[in-house]
Amino acid sequence: MRQAGEFGRRKWYKSSFSKDANSCVEVRFTGNAVDVRDSKYVGPEQDQPIITVPADQWPAFLGLVMTNSSGVLPDAVAVDVHADGGATITHRTTRLNYNADEWDAFLEGVADGQFDRS
């Protein structure tokens, strides 16, 4: 479970269910939005693919994630759940691909309330 005050910081974090894994869904709260990235990225930091979800759409995004089904939010952020248990998050031309273990750890964190804005 998250610690009090954890979301007041603007740093990247991952689900505690990811444990010591170096590949996971990472999230950062930035005022009016929530950024999502893939920790597997190894290129230049300024080129790292990031998907930004407006803060008012974040609860809907988490709800979509919890269905473990594919879908699209009104702002065109899409989640495509694959038959192998992995998933892809897409917004316009940006795609973040996660394998089954990465996606499962994120799902568990969402279910545990670790990514709630409040």
PDB file of N, CA and C in Angstrom:
ATOM      1  N   MET A   1       0.835  -1.172   0.000  1.00  0.00           N
ATOM      2  CA  MET A   1       0.000   0.000   0.000  1.00  0.00           C
ATOM      3  C   MET A   1       0.883   1.240   0.000  1.00  0.00           C
ATOM      4  N   ARG A   2       0.398   2.322  -0.579  1.00  0.00           N
ATOM      5  CA  ARG A   2       1.180   3.543  -0.669  1.00  0.00           C
ATOM      6  C   ARG A   2       1.326   4.221   0.685  1.00  0.00           C
ATOM      7  N   GLN A   3       2.353   5.014   0.803  1.00  0.00           N
ATOM      8  CA  GLN A   3       2.609   5.767   2.024  1.00  0.00           C
ATOM      9  C   GLN A   3       1.919   7.130   1.944  1.00  0.00           C
ATOM     10  N   ALA A   4       1.541   7.679   3.081  1.00  0.00           N
ATOM     11  CA  ALA A   4       0.908   8.998   3.123  1.00  0.00           C
ATOM     12  C   ALA A   4       1.839  10.031   2.503  1.00  0.00           C
ATOM     13  N   GLY A   5       1.281  10.916   1.708  1.00  0.00           N
ATOM     14  CA  GLY A   5       2.063  11.975   1.086  1.00  0.00           C
ATOM     15  C   GLY A   5       2.841  11.551  -0.142  1.00  0.00           C
ATOM     16  N   GLU A   6       2.782  10.295  -0.489  1.00  0.00           N
ATOM     17  CA  GLU A   6       3.571   9.776  -1.610  1.00  0.00           C
ATOM     18  C   GLU A   6       3.224  10.460  -2.921  1.00  0.00           C
ATOM     19  N   PHE A   7       1.960  10.850  -3.100  1.00  0.00           N
ATOM     20  CA  PHE A   7       1.549  11.386  -4.379  1.00  0.00           C
ATOM     21  C   PHE A   7       1.729  12.895  -4.483  1.00  0.00           C
ATOM     22  N   GLY A   8       2.190  13.533  -3.415  1.00  0.00           N
ATOM     23  CA  GLY A   8       2.508  14.942  -3.496  1.00  0.00           C
ATOM     24  C   GLY A   8       3.807  15.174  -4.252  1.00  0.00           C
ATOM     25  N   ARG A   9       4.607  14.143  -4.381  1.00  0.00           N
ATOM     26  CA  ARG A   9       5.887  14.259  -5.082  1.00  0.00           C
ATOM     27  C   ARG A   9       5.682  14.012  -6.567  1.00  0.00           C
ATOM     28  N   ARG A  10       6.548  14.578  -7.351  1.00  0.00           N
ATOM     29  CA  ARG A  10       6.461  14.395  -8.802  1.00  0.00           C
ATOM     30  C   ARG A  10       7.562  13.466  -9.260  1.00  0.00           C
ATOM     31  N   LYS A  11       7.614  12.298  -8.667  1.00  0.00           N
ATOM     32  CA  LYS A  11       8.628  11.336  -9.081  1.00  0.00           C
ATOM     33  C   LYS A  11       7.941  10.092  -9.623  1.00  0.00           C
ATOM     34  N   TRP A  12       8.679   9.360 -10.426  1.00  0.00           N
ATOM     35  CA  TRP A  12       8.154   8.138 -11.018  1.00  0.00           C
ATOM     36  C   TRP A  12       8.104   7.043  -9.963  1.00  0.00           C
ATOM     37  N   TYR A  13       7.065   6.229 -10.018  1.00  0.00           N
ATOM     38  CA  TYR A  13       6.996   5.073  -9.131  1.00  0.00           C
ATOM     39  C   TYR A  13       6.278   3.940  -9.848  1.00  0.00           C
ATOM     40  N   LYS A  14       6.408   2.760  -9.282  1.00  0.00           N
ATOM     41  CA  LYS A  14       5.816   1.562  -9.872  1.00  0.00           C
ATOM     42  C   LYS A  14       5.032   0.821  -8.801  1.00  0.00           C
ATOM     43  N   SER A  15       4.293  -0.169  -9.221  1.00  0.00           N
ATOM     44  CA  SER A  15       3.545  -1.014  -8.299  1.00  0.00           C
ATOM     45  C   SER A  15       4.499  -1.743  -7.366  1.00  0.00           C
ATOM     46  N   SER A  16       4.130  -1.854  -6.121  1.00  0.00           N
ATOM     47  CA  SER A  16       4.951  -2.633  -5.184  1.00  0.00           C
ATOM     48  C   SER A  16       4.975  -4.101  -5.578  1.00  0.00           C
ATOM     49  N   PHE A  17       4.010  -4.528  -6.391  1.00  0.00           N
ATOM     50  CA  PHE A  17       3.969  -5.914  -6.855  1.00  0.00           C
ATOM     51  C   PHE A  17       5.011  -6.173  -7.942  1.00  0.00           C
ATOM     52  N   SER A  18       5.640  -5.116  -8.450  1.00  0.00           N
ATOM     53  CA  SER A  18       6.736  -5.273  -9.410  1.00  0.00           C
ATOM     54  C   SER A  18       8.007  -5.711  -8.709  1.00  0.00           C
ATOM     55  N   LYS A  19       8.037  -5.543  -7.400  1.00  0.00           N
ATOM     56  CA  LYS A  19       9.181  -5.906  -6.556  1.00  0.00           C
ATOM     57  C   LYS A  19      10.467  -5.303  -7.116  1.00  0.00           C
ATOM     58  N   ASP A  20      11.473  -6.124  -7.359  1.00  0.00           N
ATOM     59  CA  ASP A  20      12.763  -5.630  -7.851  1.00  0.00           C
ATOM     60  C   ASP A  20      12.879  -5.673  -9.370  1.00  0.00           C
ATOM     61  N   ALA A  21      11.771  -5.901 -10.052  1.00  0.00           N
ATOM     62  CA  ALA A  21      11.809  -5.992 -11.514  1.00  0.00           C
ATOM     63  C   ALA A  21      12.275  -4.671 -12.120  1.00  0.00           C
ATOM     64  N   ASN A  22      13.086  -4.771 -13.163  1.00  0.00           N
ATOM     65  CA  ASN A  22      13.571  -3.587 -13.871  1.00  0.00           C
ATOM     66  C   ASN A  22      12.676  -3.212 -15.036  1.00  0.00           C
ATOM     67  N   SER A  23      11.627  -3.971 -15.249  1.00  0.00           N
ATOM     68  CA  SER A  23      10.709  -3.677 -16.340  1.00  0.00           C
ATOM     69  C   SER A  23       9.298  -3.605 -15.764  1.00  0.00           C
ATOM     70  N   CYS A  24       8.703  -2.411 -15.876  1.00  0.00           N
ATOM     71  CA  CYS A  24       7.388  -2.237 -15.275  1.00  0.00           C
ATOM     72  C   CYS A  24       6.710  -0.977 -15.811  1.00  0.00           C
ATOM     73  N   VAL A  25       5.431  -0.857 -15.478  1.00  0.00           N
ATOM     74  CA  VAL A  25       4.676   0.358 -15.748  1.00  0.00           C
ATOM     75  C   VAL A  25       5.075   1.369 -14.673  1.00  0.00           C
ATOM     76  N   GLU A  26       5.489   2.558 -15.094  1.00  0.00           N
ATOM     77  CA  GLU A  26       5.825   3.614 -14.145  1.00  0.00           C
ATOM     78  C   GLU A  26       4.862   4.783 -14.328  1.00  0.00           C
ATOM     79  N   VAL A  27       4.515   5.421 -13.213  1.00  0.00           N
ATOM     80  CA  VAL A  27       3.527   6.493 -13.202  1.00  0.00           C
ATOM     81  C   VAL A  27       4.090   7.691 -12.442  1.00  0.00           C
ATOM     82  N   ARG A  28       3.700   8.890 -12.893  1.00  0.00           N
ATOM     83  CA  ARG A  28       4.098  10.124 -12.210  1.00  0.00           C
ATOM     84  C   ARG A  28       2.924  11.106 -12.276  1.00  0.00           C
ATOM     85  N   PHE A  29       2.546  11.658 -11.127  1.00  0.00           N
ATOM     86  CA  PHE A  29       1.497  12.671 -11.076  1.00  0.00           C
ATOM     87  C   PHE A  29       2.116  14.042 -11.293  1.00  0.00           C
ATOM     88  N   THR A  30       1.526  14.824 -12.202  1.00  0.00           N
ATOM     89  CA  THR A  30       2.101  16.125 -12.562  1.00  0.00           C
ATOM     90  C   THR A  30       1.050  17.228 -12.543  1.00  0.00           C
ATOM     91  N   GLY A  31       0.335  17.368 -11.467  1.00  0.00           N
ATOM     92  CA  GLY A  31      -0.666  18.426 -11.379  1.00  0.00           C
ATOM     93  C   GLY A  31      -1.954  18.051 -12.073  1.00  0.00           C
ATOM     94  N   ASN A  32      -2.145  18.520 -13.303  1.00  0.00           N
ATOM     95  CA  ASN A  32      -3.384  18.279 -14.037  1.00  0.00           C
ATOM     96  C   ASN A  32      -3.337  17.044 -14.918  1.00  0.00           C
ATOM     97  N   ALA A  33      -2.320  16.213 -14.729  1.00  0.00           N
ATOM     98  CA  ALA A  33      -2.178  15.031 -15.579  1.00  0.00           C
ATOM     99  C   ALA A  33      -1.429  13.930 -14.840  1.00  0.00           C
ATOM    100  N   VAL A  34      -1.444  12.766 -15.456  1.00  0.00           N
ATOM    101  CA  VAL A  34      -0.679  11.626 -14.958  1.00  0.00           C
ATOM    102  C   VAL A  34       0.120  11.083 -16.133  1.00  0.00           C
ATOM    103  N   ASP A  35       1.428  10.980 -15.969  1.00  0.00           N
ATOM    104  CA  ASP A  35       2.302  10.445 -17.010  1.00  0.00           C
ATOM    105  C   ASP A  35       2.524   8.960 -16.776  1.00  0.00           C
ATOM    106  N   VAL A  36       2.583   8.213 -17.866  1.00  0.00           N
ATOM    107  CA  VAL A  36       2.842   6.772 -17.824  1.00  0.00           C
ATOM    108  C   VAL A  36       4.005   6.490 -18.762  1.00  0.00           C
ATOM    109  N   ARG A  37       4.943   5.661 -18.314  1.00  0.00           N
ATOM    110  CA  ARG A  37       6.075   5.282 -19.160  1.00  0.00           C
ATOM    111  C   ARG A  37       6.439   3.827 -18.892  1.00  0.00           C
ATOM    112  N   ASP A  38       7.372   3.320 -19.688  1.00  0.00           N
ATOM    113  CA  ASP A  38       7.855   1.944 -19.574  1.00  0.00           C
ATOM    114  C   ASP A  38       9.291   1.981 -19.072  1.00  0.00           C
ATOM    115  N   SER A  39       9.543   1.347 -17.951  1.00  0.00           N
ATOM    116  CA  SER A  39      10.888   1.400 -17.359  1.00  0.00           C
ATOM    117  C   SER A  39      11.936   0.655 -18.183  1.00  0.00           C
ATOM    118  N   LYS A  40      11.517  -0.147 -19.160  1.00  0.00           N
ATOM    119  CA  LYS A  40      12.479  -0.886 -19.998  1.00  0.00           C
ATOM    120  C   LYS A  40      13.233   0.021 -20.969  1.00  0.00           C
ATOM    121  N   TYR A  41      12.730   1.212 -21.194  1.00  0.00           N
ATOM    122  CA  TYR A  41      13.334   2.115 -22.165  1.00  0.00           C
ATOM    123  C   TYR A  41      14.781   2.411 -21.782  1.00  0.00           C
ATOM    124  N   VAL A  42      15.688   2.328 -22.766  1.00  0.00           N
ATOM    125  CA  VAL A  42      17.114   2.539 -22.492  1.00  0.00           C
ATOM    126  C   VAL A  42      17.738   3.661 -23.334  1.00  0.00           C
ATOM    127  N   GLY A  43      16.950   4.370 -24.109  1.00  0.00           N
ATOM    128  CA  GLY A  43      17.485   5.435 -24.950  1.00  0.00           C
ATOM    129  C   GLY A  43      17.641   6.740 -24.193  1.00  0.00           C
ATOM    130  N   PRO A  44      17.881   7.823 -24.938  1.00  0.00           N
ATOM    131  CA  PRO A  44      18.033   9.141 -24.315  1.00  0.00           C
ATOM    132  C   PRO A  44      16.763   9.539 -23.552  1.00  0.00           C
ATOM    133  N   GLU A  45      16.952  10.078 -22.362  1.00  0.00           N
ATOM    134  CA  GLU A  45      15.816  10.433 -21.503  1.00  0.00           C
ATOM    135  C   GLU A  45      14.830  11.362 -22.202  1.00  0.00           C
ATOM    136  N   GLN A  46      15.342  12.322 -22.961  1.00  0.00           N
ATOM    137  CA  GLN A  46      14.463  13.285 -23.623  1.00  0.00           C
ATOM    138  C   GLN A  46      13.623  12.649 -24.729  1.00  0.00           C
ATOM    139  N   ASP A  47      13.983  11.448 -25.170  1.00  0.00           N
ATOM    140  CA  ASP A  47      13.238  10.760 -26.224  1.00  0.00           C
ATOM    141  C   ASP A  47      12.330   9.659 -25.690  1.00  0.00           C
ATOM    142  N   GLN A  48      12.295   9.463 -24.373  1.00  0.00           N
ATOM    143  CA  GLN A  48      11.508   8.365 -23.811  1.00  0.00           C
ATOM    144  C   GLN A  48      10.023   8.563 -24.099  1.00  0.00           C
ATOM    145  N   PRO A  49       9.378   7.527 -24.631  1.00  0.00           N
ATOM    146  CA  PRO A  49       7.936   7.615 -24.869  1.00  0.00           C
ATOM    147  C   PRO A  49       7.177   7.732 -23.543  1.00  0.00           C
ATOM    148  N   ILE A  50       6.312   8.715 -23.472  1.00  0.00           N
ATOM    149  CA  ILE A  50       5.471   8.940 -22.294  1.00  0.00           C
ATOM    150  C   ILE A  50       4.058   9.217 -22.780  1.00  0.00           C
ATOM    151  N   ILE A  51       3.095   8.591 -22.141  1.00  0.00           N
ATOM    152  CA  ILE A  51       1.690   8.869 -22.425  1.00  0.00           C
ATOM    153  C   ILE A  51       1.140   9.670 -21.260  1.00  0.00           C
ATOM    154  N   THR A  52       0.508  10.787 -21.572  1.00  0.00           N
ATOM    155  CA  THR A  52      -0.064  11.658 -20.555  1.00  0.00           C
ATOM    156  C   THR A  52      -1.582  11.507 -20.555  1.00  0.00           C
ATOM    157  N   VAL A  53      -2.107  11.166 -19.387  1.00  0.00           N
ATOM    158  CA  VAL A  53      -3.552  11.022 -19.203  1.00  0.00           C
ATOM    159  C   VAL A  53      -4.028  12.235 -18.401  1.00  0.00           C
ATOM    160  N   PRO A  54      -4.997  12.995 -18.915  1.00  0.00           N
ATOM    161  CA  PRO A  54      -5.514  14.121 -18.138  1.00  0.00           C
ATOM    162  C   PRO A  54      -6.025  13.633 -16.775  1.00  0.00           C
ATOM    163  N   ALA A  55      -5.810  14.435 -15.738  1.00  0.00           N
ATOM    164  CA  ALA A  55      -6.182  14.035 -14.376  1.00  0.00           C
ATOM    165  C   ALA A  55      -7.652  13.652 -14.271  1.00  0.00           C
ATOM    166  N   ASP A  56      -8.524  14.360 -14.997  1.00  0.00           N
ATOM    167  CA  ASP A  56      -9.944  14.030 -14.900  1.00  0.00           C
ATOM    168  C   ASP A  56     -10.292  12.716 -15.591  1.00  0.00           C
ATOM    169  N   GLN A  57      -9.389  12.194 -16.432  1.00  0.00           N
ATOM    170  CA  GLN A  57      -9.603  10.904 -17.089  1.00  0.00           C
ATOM    171  C   GLN A  57      -8.902   9.758 -16.361  1.00  0.00           C
ATOM    172  N   TRP A  58      -8.052  10.069 -15.382  1.00  0.00           N
ATOM    173  CA  TRP A  58      -7.285   9.030 -14.691  1.00  0.00           C
ATOM    174  C   TRP A  58      -8.177   7.976 -14.029  1.00  0.00           C
ATOM    175  N   PRO A  59      -9.246   8.351 -13.303  1.00  0.00           N
ATOM    176  CA  PRO A  59     -10.108   7.311 -12.732  1.00  0.00           C
ATOM    177  C   PRO A  59     -10.712   6.395 -13.803  1.00  0.00           C
ATOM    178  N   ALA A  60     -11.092   6.961 -14.947  1.00  0.00           N
ATOM    179  CA  ALA A  60     -11.631   6.140 -16.037  1.00  0.00           C
ATOM    180  C   ALA A  60     -10.553   5.220 -16.598  1.00  0.00           C
ATOM    181  N   PHE A  61      -9.322   5.727 -16.693  1.00  0.00           N
ATOM    182  CA  PHE A  61      -8.210   4.900 -17.161  1.00  0.00           C
ATOM    183  C   PHE A  61      -8.002   3.717 -16.217  1.00  0.00           C
ATOM    184  N   LEU A  62      -7.958   3.992 -14.911  1.00  0.00           N
ATOM    185  CA  LEU A  62      -7.779   2.906 -13.941  1.00  0.00           C
ATOM    186  C   LEU A  62      -8.944   1.923 -13.999  1.00  0.00           C
ATOM    187  N   GLY A  63     -10.155   2.439 -14.194  1.00  0.00           N
ATOM    188  CA  GLY A  63     -11.319   1.561 -14.339  1.00  0.00           C
ATOM    189  C   GLY A  63     -11.190   0.656 -15.547  1.00  0.00           C
ATOM    190  N   LEU A  64     -10.725   1.216 -16.657  1.00  0.00           N
ATOM    191  CA  LEU A  64     -10.501   0.416 -17.860  1.00  0.00           C
ATOM    192  C   LEU A  64      -9.436  -0.637 -17.611  1.00  0.00           C
ATOM    193  N   VAL A  65      -8.349  -0.244 -16.962  1.00  0.00           N
ATOM    194  CA  VAL A  65      -7.285  -1.199 -16.639  1.00  0.00           C
ATOM    195  C   VAL A  65      -7.845  -2.353 -15.819  1.00  0.00           C
ATOM    196  N   MET A  66      -8.694  -2.045 -14.834  1.00  0.00           N
ATOM    197  CA  MET A  66      -9.225  -3.081 -13.948  1.00  0.00           C
ATOM    198  C   MET A  66     -10.152  -4.063 -14.658  1.00  0.00           C
ATOM    199  N   THR A  67     -10.730  -3.671 -15.790  1.00  0.00           N
ATOM    200  CA  THR A  67     -11.562  -4.625 -16.530  1.00  0.00           C
ATOM    201  C   THR A  67     -10.709  -5.687 -17.201  1.00  0.00           C
ATOM    202  N   ASN A  68      -9.404  -5.390 -17.336  1.00  0.00           N
ATOM    203  CA  ASN A  68      -8.467  -6.264 -18.050  1.00  0.00           C
ATOM    204  C   ASN A  68      -8.984  -6.587 -19.453  1.00  0.00           C
ATOM    205  N   SER A  69      -9.628  -5.592 -20.048  1.00  0.00           N
ATOM    206  CA  SER A  69     -10.151  -5.691 -21.406  1.00  0.00           C
ATOM    207  C   SER A  69      -9.659  -4.492 -22.205  1.00  0.00           C
ATOM    208  N   SER A  70      -9.694  -4.618 -23.512  1.00  0.00           N
ATOM    209  CA  SER A  70      -9.296  -3.517 -24.382  1.00  0.00           C
ATOM    210  C   SER A  70     -10.379  -2.447 -24.407  1.00  0.00           C
ATOM    211  N   GLY A  71      -9.958  -1.190 -24.587  1.00  0.00           N
ATOM    212  CA  GLY A  71     -10.913  -0.098 -24.679  1.00  0.00           C
ATOM    213  C   GLY A  71     -10.209   1.212 -24.947  1.00  0.00           C
ATOM    214  N   VAL A  72     -11.019   2.255 -25.205  1.00  0.00           N
ATOM    215  CA  VAL A  72     -10.493   3.583 -25.523  1.00  0.00           C
ATOM    216  C   VAL A  72     -11.216   4.615 -24.662  1.00  0.00           C
ATOM    217  N   LEU A  73     -10.456   5.537 -24.091  1.00  0.00           N
ATOM    218  CA  LEU A  73     -11.028   6.636 -23.320  1.00  0.00           C
ATOM    219  C   LEU A  73     -11.430   7.770 -24.255  1.00  0.00           C
ATOM    220  N   PRO A  74     -12.273   8.700 -23.785  1.00  0.00           N
ATOM    221  CA  PRO A  74     -12.694   9.818 -24.635  1.00  0.00           C
ATOM    222  C   PRO A  74     -11.538  10.645 -25.200  1.00  0.00           C
ATOM    223  N   ASP A  75     -10.421  10.729 -24.486  1.00  0.00           N
ATOM    224  CA  ASP A  75      -9.289  11.518 -24.993  1.00  0.00           C
ATOM    225  C   ASP A  75      -8.368  10.699 -25.886  1.00  0.00           C
ATOM    226  N   ALA A  76      -8.821   9.516 -26.298  1.00  0.00           N
ATOM    227  CA  ALA A  76      -8.129   8.642 -27.251  1.00  0.00           C
ATOM    228  C   ALA A  76      -6.963   7.855 -26.672  1.00  0.00           C
ATOM    229  N   VAL A  77      -6.829   7.791 -25.353  1.00  0.00           N
ATOM    230  CA  VAL A  77      -5.867   6.862 -24.761  1.00  0.00           C
ATOM    231  C   VAL A  77      -6.507   5.481 -24.839  1.00  0.00           C
ATOM    232  N   ALA A  78      -5.790   4.537 -25.438  1.00  0.00           N
ATOM    233  CA  ALA A  78      -6.325   3.191 -25.629  1.00  0.00           C
ATOM    234  C   ALA A  78      -5.504   2.170 -24.861  1.00  0.00           C
ATOM    235  N   VAL A  79      -6.189   1.157 -24.374  1.00  0.00           N
ATOM    236  CA  VAL A  79      -5.544   0.011 -23.746  1.00  0.00           C
ATOM    237  C   VAL A  79      -5.931  -1.203 -24.570  1.00  0.00           C
ATOM    238  N   ASP A  80      -4.930  -1.920 -25.046  1.00  0.00           N
ATOM    239  CA  ASP A  80      -5.154  -3.139 -25.822  1.00  0.00           C
ATOM    240  C   ASP A  80      -4.571  -4.305 -25.037  1.00  0.00           C
ATOM    241  N   VAL A  81      -5.441  -5.141 -24.481  1.00  0.00           N
ATOM    242  CA  VAL A  81      -4.993  -6.299 -23.707  1.00  0.00           C
ATOM    243  C   VAL A  81      -4.805  -7.465 -24.669  1.00  0.00           C
ATOM    244  N   HIS A  82      -3.643  -8.089 -24.615  1.00  0.00           N
ATOM    245  CA  HIS A  82      -3.287  -9.162 -25.532  1.00  0.00           C
ATOM    246  C   HIS A  82      -3.690 -10.523 -24.972  1.00  0.00           C
ATOM    247  N   ALA A  83      -3.841 -11.490 -25.851  1.00  0.00           N
ATOM    248  CA  ALA A  83      -4.219 -12.848 -25.451  1.00  0.00           C
ATOM    249  C   ALA A  83      -3.197 -13.474 -24.511  1.00  0.00           C
ATOM    250  N   ASP A  84      -1.930 -13.062 -24.614  1.00  0.00           N
ATOM    251  CA  ASP A  84      -0.883 -13.638 -23.750  1.00  0.00           C
ATOM    252  C   ASP A  84      -0.826 -12.982 -22.371  1.00  0.00           C
ATOM    253  N   GLY A  85      -1.729 -12.016 -22.103  1.00  0.00           N
ATOM    254  CA  GLY A  85      -1.764 -11.357 -20.802  1.00  0.00           C
ATOM    255  C   GLY A  85      -1.028 -10.039 -20.753  1.00  0.00           C
ATOM    256  N   GLY A  86      -0.274  -9.725 -21.790  1.00  0.00           N
ATOM    257  CA  GLY A  86       0.396  -8.435 -21.867  1.00  0.00           C
ATOM    258  C   GLY A  86      -0.586  -7.366 -22.317  1.00  0.00           C
ATOM    259  N   ALA A  87      -0.105  -6.139 -22.443  1.00  0.00           N
ATOM    260  CA  ALA A  87      -0.979  -5.051 -22.876  1.00  0.00           C
ATOM    261  C   ALA A  87      -0.155  -3.947 -23.529  1.00  0.00           C
ATOM    262  N   THR A  88      -0.835  -3.151 -24.346  1.00  0.00           N
ATOM    263  CA  THR A  88      -0.247  -1.976 -24.970  1.00  0.00           C
ATOM    264  C   THR A  88      -1.123  -0.778 -24.640  1.00  0.00           C
ATOM    265  N   ILE A  89      -0.500   0.294 -24.173  1.00  0.00           N
ATOM    266  CA  ILE A  89      -1.193   1.561 -23.969  1.00  0.00           C
ATOM    267  C   ILE A  89      -0.777   2.462 -25.124  1.00  0.00           C
ATOM    268  N   THR A  90      -1.755   3.069 -25.790  1.00  0.00           N
ATOM    269  CA  THR A  90      -1.486   3.893 -26.965  1.00  0.00           C
ATOM    270  C   THR A  90      -2.183   5.242 -26.840  1.00  0.00           C
ATOM    271  N   HIS A  91      -1.495   6.281 -27.272  1.00  0.00           N
ATOM    272  CA  HIS A  91      -2.103   7.601 -27.429  1.00  0.00           C
ATOM    273  C   HIS A  91      -1.457   8.240 -28.646  1.00  0.00           C
ATOM    274  N   ARG A  92      -2.262   8.482 -29.639  1.00  0.00           N
ATOM    275  CA  ARG A  92      -1.785   8.990 -30.924  1.00  0.00           C
ATOM    276  C   ARG A  92      -0.703   8.063 -31.470  1.00  0.00           C
ATOM    277  N   THR A  93       0.527   8.523 -31.604  1.00  0.00           N
ATOM    278  CA  THR A  93       1.584   7.673 -32.176  1.00  0.00           C
ATOM    279  C   THR A  93       2.481   7.043 -31.113  1.00  0.00           C
ATOM    280  N   THR A  94       2.184   7.281 -29.852  1.00  0.00           N
ATOM    281  CA  THR A  94       3.008   6.729 -28.772  1.00  0.00           C
ATOM    282  C   THR A  94       2.418   5.415 -28.289  1.00  0.00           C
ATOM    283  N   ARG A  95       3.285   4.388 -28.222  1.00  0.00           N
ATOM    284  CA  ARG A  95       2.857   3.054 -27.783  1.00  0.00           C
ATOM    285  C   ARG A  95       3.786   2.570 -26.679  1.00  0.00           C
ATOM    286  N   LEU A  96       3.185   2.071 -25.614  1.00  0.00           N
ATOM    287  CA  LEU A  96       3.936   1.462 -24.523  1.00  0.00           C
ATOM    288  C   LEU A  96       3.507   0.009 -24.428  1.00  0.00           C
ATOM    289  N   ASN A  97       4.466  -0.904 -24.608  1.00  0.00           N
ATOM    290  CA  ASN A  97       4.170  -2.339 -24.624  1.00  0.00           C
ATOM    291  C   ASN A  97       4.657  -3.000 -23.344  1.00  0.00           C
ATOM    292  N   TYR A  98       3.784  -3.787 -22.740  1.00  0.00           N
ATOM    293  CA  TYR A  98       4.108  -4.478 -21.492  1.00  0.00           C
ATOM    294  C   TYR A  98       3.832  -5.964 -21.637  1.00  0.00           C
ATOM    295  N   ASN A  99       4.734  -6.790 -21.076  1.00  0.00           N
ATOM    296  CA  ASN A  99       4.496  -8.232 -21.101  1.00  0.00           C
ATOM    297  C   ASN A  99       3.521  -8.597 -19.986  1.00  0.00           C
ATOM    298  N   ALA A 100       3.154  -9.864 -19.910  1.00  0.00           N
ATOM    299  CA  ALA A 100       2.140 -10.306 -18.952  1.00  0.00           C
ATOM    300  C   ALA A 100       2.548 -10.043 -17.505  1.00  0.00           C
ATOM    301  N   ASP A 101       3.801 -10.280 -17.155  1.00  0.00           N
ATOM    302  CA  ASP A 101       4.247 -10.050 -15.780  1.00  0.00           C
ATOM    303  C   ASP A 101       4.177  -8.566 -15.411  1.00  0.00           C
ATOM    304  N   GLU A 102       4.609  -7.709 -16.324  1.00  0.00           N
ATOM    305  CA  GLU A 102       4.576  -6.264 -16.079  1.00  0.00           C
ATOM    306  C   GLU A 102       3.138  -5.772 -15.903  1.00  0.00           C
ATOM    307  N   TRP A 103       2.270  -6.228 -16.807  1.00  0.00           N
ATOM    308  CA  TRP A 103       0.878  -5.787 -16.766  1.00  0.00           C
ATOM    309  C   TRP A 103       0.178  -6.322 -15.519  1.00  0.00           C
ATOM    310  N   ASP A 104       0.448  -7.562 -15.152  1.00  0.00           N
ATOM    311  CA  ASP A 104      -0.168  -8.152 -13.963  1.00  0.00           C
ATOM    312  C   ASP A 104       0.239  -7.387 -12.702  1.00  0.00           C
ATOM    313  N   ALA A 105       1.512  -7.023 -12.589  1.00  0.00           N
ATOM    314  CA  ALA A 105       1.975  -6.260 -11.421  1.00  0.00           C
ATOM    315  C   ALA A 105       1.276  -4.901 -11.370  1.00  0.00           C
ATOM    316  N   PHE A 106       1.085  -4.270 -12.534  1.00  0.00           N
ATOM    317  CA  PHE A 106       0.378  -2.993 -12.580  1.00  0.00           C
ATOM    318  C   PHE A 106      -1.078  -3.178 -12.159  1.00  0.00           C
ATOM    319  N   LEU A 107      -1.736  -4.216 -12.695  1.00  0.00           N
ATOM    320  CA  LEU A 107      -3.124  -4.505 -12.314  1.00  0.00           C
ATOM    321  C   LEU A 107      -3.262  -4.691 -10.807  1.00  0.00           C
ATOM    322  N   GLU A 108      -2.352  -5.436 -10.219  1.00  0.00           N
ATOM    323  CA  GLU A 108      -2.401  -5.666  -8.775  1.00  0.00           C
ATOM    324  C   GLU A 108      -2.222  -4.356  -8.012  1.00  0.00           C
ATOM    325  N   GLY A 109      -1.328  -3.504  -8.491  1.00  0.00           N
ATOM    326  CA  GLY A 109      -1.136  -2.204  -7.856  1.00  0.00           C
ATOM    327  C   GLY A 109      -2.367  -1.322  -7.968  1.00  0.00           C
ATOM    328  N   VAL A 110      -3.015  -1.342  -9.141  1.00  0.00           N
ATOM    329  CA  VAL A 110      -4.247  -0.575  -9.325  1.00  0.00           C
ATOM    330  C   VAL A 110      -5.316  -1.094  -8.366  1.00  0.00           C
ATOM    331  N   ALA A 111      -5.478  -2.412  -8.295  1.00  0.00           N
ATOM    332  CA  ALA A 111      -6.476  -3.010  -7.401  1.00  0.00           C
ATOM    333  C   ALA A 111      -6.199  -2.670  -5.939  1.00  0.00           C
ATOM    334  N   ASP A 112      -4.935  -2.502  -5.597  1.00  0.00           N
ATOM    335  CA  ASP A 112      -4.525  -2.195  -4.227  1.00  0.00           C
ATOM    336  C   ASP A 112      -4.610  -0.698  -3.904  1.00  0.00           C
ATOM    337  N   GLY A 113      -4.995   0.116  -4.881  1.00  0.00           N
ATOM    338  CA  GLY A 113      -5.122   1.554  -4.654  1.00  0.00           C
ATOM    339  C   GLY A 113      -3.823   2.327  -4.740  1.00  0.00           C
ATOM    340  N   GLN A 114      -2.769   1.697  -5.229  1.00  0.00           N
ATOM    341  CA  GLN A 114      -1.463   2.347  -5.264  1.00  0.00           C
ATOM    342  C   GLN A 114      -1.367   3.482  -6.279  1.00  0.00           C
ATOM    343  N   PHE A 115      -2.306   3.554  -7.210  1.00  0.00           N
ATOM    344  CA  PHE A 115      -2.245   4.575  -8.252  1.00  0.00           C
ATOM    345  C   PHE A 115      -3.403   5.569  -8.180  1.00  0.00           C
ATOM    346  N   ASP A 116      -4.137   5.547  -7.070  1.00  0.00           N
ATOM    347  CA  ASP A 116      -5.209   6.526  -6.875  1.00  0.00           C
ATOM    348  C   ASP A 116      -4.594   7.901  -6.659  1.00  0.00           C
ATOM    349  N   ARG A 117      -5.230   8.927  -7.201  1.00  0.00           N
ATOM    350  CA  ARG A 117      -4.716  10.295  -7.039  1.00  0.00           C
ATOM    351  C   ARG A 117      -4.981  10.857  -5.655  1.00  0.00           C
ATOM    352  N   SER A 118      -5.981  10.382  -4.981  1.00  0.00           N
ATOM    353  CA  SER A 118      -6.329  10.964  -3.672  1.00  0.00           C
ATOM    354  C   SER A 118      -5.413  10.490  -2.570  1.00  0.00           C
TER     355      SER A 118
END
